[in-house]
Amino acid sequence: MSPSSEVEVVLPAALHARPAAEAVRAASTFTADVEVCLGDRCAGARSALRLMSLGAPAGATVTVRATGDDAHLAALAVAEVLRTAE
């Protein structure tokens, strides 16, 4: 079974183009599969369009989930990008 990791983040800004692109860049540096979930809707963190389609507003709590060899680091990296997004 692959390692997995999960981190919750409160978004300081809506998940618009800039933070979505930054999250994609962060996720792309890892081999783990990373997704961002808002409630029961999830989007792969390697697609800015899918992330933006979540429609996550400022103040929303999202969950970053990752599976794979570097899952913990990948989840933390994407969560950090989202945590500091403007």
Protein backbone atom coordinates (compact mmCIF):
# COMPACT_ATOMS: atom_id res chain seq x y z
CA MET A 1 0.00 0.00 0.00
CA SER A 2 1.30 3.47 -0.92
CA PRO A 3 1.93 6.03 1.79
CA SER A 4 -0.71 8.74 2.06
CA SER A 5 -1.04 12.11 3.72
CA GLU A 6 -3.86 14.57 4.39
CA VAL A 7 -3.67 18.23 5.41
CA GLU A 8 -6.52 20.69 6.03
CA VAL A 9 -6.08 24.32 4.96
CA VAL A 10 -8.21 27.43 5.43
CA LEU A 11 -7.91 29.49 2.26
CA PRO A 12 -7.00 33.16 2.84
CA ALA A 13 -8.16 33.96 -0.72
CA ALA A 14 -10.43 32.30 -3.25
CA LEU A 15 -8.84 29.51 -5.28
CA HIS A 16 -8.44 31.57 -8.46
CA ALA A 17 -5.91 31.37 -11.32
CA ARG A 18 -2.74 32.47 -9.51
CA PRO A 19 -2.94 30.18 -6.45
CA ALA A 20 -4.18 27.32 -8.64
CA ALA A 21 -1.16 27.70 -10.93
CA GLU A 22 1.18 27.87 -7.93
CA ALA A 23 -0.39 24.70 -6.49
CA VAL A 24 0.11 22.94 -9.85
CA ARG A 25 3.79 23.96 -9.87
CA ALA A 26 4.21 22.65 -6.32
CA ALA A 27 2.42 19.35 -7.03
CA SER A 28 4.42 18.82 -10.23
CA THR A 29 7.69 18.60 -8.33
CA PHE A 30 6.59 15.37 -6.63
CA THR A 31 5.74 11.89 -7.85
CA ALA A 32 2.77 11.56 -5.48
CA ASP A 33 -0.77 11.99 -6.75
CA VAL A 34 -2.21 15.08 -5.06
CA GLU A 35 -5.80 16.26 -4.92
CA VAL A 36 -7.58 19.15 -3.28
CA CYS A 37 -11.06 18.56 -1.88
CA LEU A 38 -13.82 20.97 -0.94
CA GLY A 39 -16.50 18.98 0.80
CA ASP A 40 -17.17 15.91 -1.32
CA ARG A 41 -15.75 17.44 -4.53
CA CYS A 42 -12.09 16.79 -5.38
CA ALA A 43 -9.75 17.99 -8.11
CA GLY A 44 -6.30 16.81 -9.13
CA ALA A 45 -3.62 19.29 -8.13
CA ARG A 46 -1.87 18.99 -11.50
CA SER A 47 -4.66 20.91 -13.28
CA ALA A 48 -5.30 24.59 -12.57
CA LEU A 49 -8.66 24.42 -14.35
CA ARG A 50 -9.83 21.54 -12.20
CA LEU A 51 -8.68 23.30 -9.03
CA MET A 52 -10.51 26.48 -10.02
CA SER A 53 -13.63 24.44 -10.85
CA LEU A 54 -13.97 23.64 -7.16
CA GLY A 55 -15.10 27.25 -6.67
CA ALA A 56 -13.44 27.42 -3.27
CA PRO A 57 -14.03 30.88 -1.76
CA ALA A 58 -11.83 32.74 0.70
CA GLY A 59 -12.27 31.28 4.18
CA ALA A 60 -13.18 27.81 2.91
CA THR A 61 -11.48 24.79 4.44
CA VAL A 62 -10.04 22.45 1.85
CA THR A 63 -8.32 19.12 2.32
CA VAL A 64 -5.11 18.31 0.46
CA ARG A 65 -4.66 14.56 -0.01
CA ALA A 66 -1.67 12.81 -1.51
CA THR A 67 -0.71 9.20 -2.14
CA GLY A 68 2.63 7.85 -3.25
CA ASP A 69 6.23 7.64 -2.13
CA ASP A 70 6.58 11.35 -1.32
CA ALA A 71 2.96 11.91 -0.31
CA HIS A 72 3.65 13.69 2.97
CA LEU A 73 6.02 16.22 1.42
CA ALA A 74 3.72 16.75 -1.58
CA ALA A 75 0.67 17.39 0.61
CA LEU A 76 2.61 19.81 2.79
CA ALA A 77 4.00 21.71 -0.23
CA VAL A 78 0.60 22.16 -1.88
CA ALA A 79 -1.02 23.03 1.45
CA GLU A 80 1.62 25.70 2.07
CA VAL A 81 0.97 27.27 -1.32
CA LEU A 82 -2.76 27.38 -0.63
CA ARG A 83 -2.25 28.61 2.94
CA THR A 84 -0.26 31.64 1.73
CA ALA A 85 -2.18 32.39 -1.49
CA GLU A 86 -3.26 35.92 -2.20
